[in-house]
Amino acid sequence: MIPGQVNGSLVEEDWQRIIHALKSYVIREEETLKTQNVGDREWQELISYSSLAADIELFILPMRKTT
């Protein structure tokens, strides 16, 4: 395996924990960003975490169920 490359050998429960952690982080950070009245850059950075959780739900988990 290439250093820094993930081989995807996690079980579904691991992926569910990752999704939960990402979503919890996004919720917590949204509250922080609202109170700090930050700009668009900070919100855009947060979107990447939300998108990652959605990608895992849409692409990783369904693939694991069919294999």
Protein backbone atom coordinates (compact mmCIF):
# COMPACT_ATOMS: atom_id res chain seq x y z
CA MET A 1 0.00 0.00 0.00
CA ILE A 2 1.17 3.54 -0.76
CA PRO A 3 1.89 5.58 2.39
CA GLY A 4 -1.07 7.77 3.24
CA GLN A 5 -3.49 5.64 1.20
CA VAL A 6 -6.49 4.12 2.96
CA ASN A 7 -7.33 0.58 1.94
CA GLY A 8 -10.99 0.74 3.02
CA SER A 9 -10.80 -2.41 5.13
CA LEU A 10 -13.09 -1.02 7.81
CA VAL A 11 -16.28 -2.77 8.83
CA GLU A 12 -19.65 -1.04 8.45
CA GLU A 13 -19.76 -0.19 12.15
CA ASP A 14 -16.47 1.71 11.77
CA TRP A 15 -17.85 3.67 8.82
CA GLN A 16 -21.01 4.47 10.81
CA ARG A 17 -18.85 5.84 13.64
CA ILE A 18 -16.91 7.98 11.17
CA ILE A 19 -20.14 9.37 9.72
CA HIS A 20 -21.47 10.10 13.20
CA ALA A 21 -18.24 11.87 14.19
CA LEU A 22 -18.25 13.97 11.02
CA LYS A 23 -21.89 14.98 11.44
CA SER A 24 -21.39 15.77 15.13
CA TYR A 25 -18.37 17.91 14.27
CA VAL A 26 -20.36 19.81 11.63
CA ILE A 27 -23.22 20.49 14.05
CA ARG A 28 -20.85 21.71 16.76
CA GLU A 29 -18.87 23.89 14.36
CA GLU A 30 -22.03 25.38 12.84
CA GLU A 31 -23.01 26.65 16.27
CA THR A 32 -19.54 28.09 16.81
CA LEU A 33 -19.50 29.78 13.40
CA LYS A 34 -22.93 31.30 14.01
CA THR A 35 -21.82 32.86 17.28
CA GLN A 36 -18.55 34.16 15.82
CA ASN A 37 -20.21 35.65 12.72
CA VAL A 38 -17.46 34.42 10.41
CA GLY A 39 -17.14 34.77 6.65
CA ASP A 40 -17.79 32.46 3.72
CA ARG A 41 -14.37 30.76 3.82
CA GLU A 42 -15.04 29.17 7.20
CA TRP A 43 -18.46 27.95 6.11
CA GLN A 44 -17.01 26.50 2.90
CA GLU A 45 -14.40 24.58 4.90
CA LEU A 46 -17.18 23.08 7.00
CA ILE A 47 -19.09 21.95 3.92
CA SER A 48 -16.25 19.58 3.01
CA TYR A 49 -16.84 17.59 6.21
CA SER A 50 -20.54 17.37 5.54
CA SER A 51 -19.85 16.28 1.97
CA LEU A 52 -17.42 13.62 3.15
CA ALA A 53 -20.07 12.11 5.44
CA ALA A 54 -22.57 12.10 2.56
CA ASP A 55 -20.03 10.51 0.21
CA ILE A 56 -19.39 7.70 2.68
CA GLU A 57 -23.13 7.10 3.03
CA LEU A 58 -23.70 7.12 -0.72
CA PHE A 59 -20.60 5.40 -2.08
CA ILE A 60 -18.77 3.40 0.60
CA LEU A 61 -21.60 1.80 2.58
CA PRO A 62 -23.70 0.63 -0.39
CA MET A 63 -20.61 -0.94 -1.98
CA ARG A 64 -19.86 -2.86 1.19
CA LYS A 65 -23.41 -4.25 1.33
CA THR A 66 -23.19 -5.65 -2.20
CA THR A 67 -19.83 -7.38 -1.69
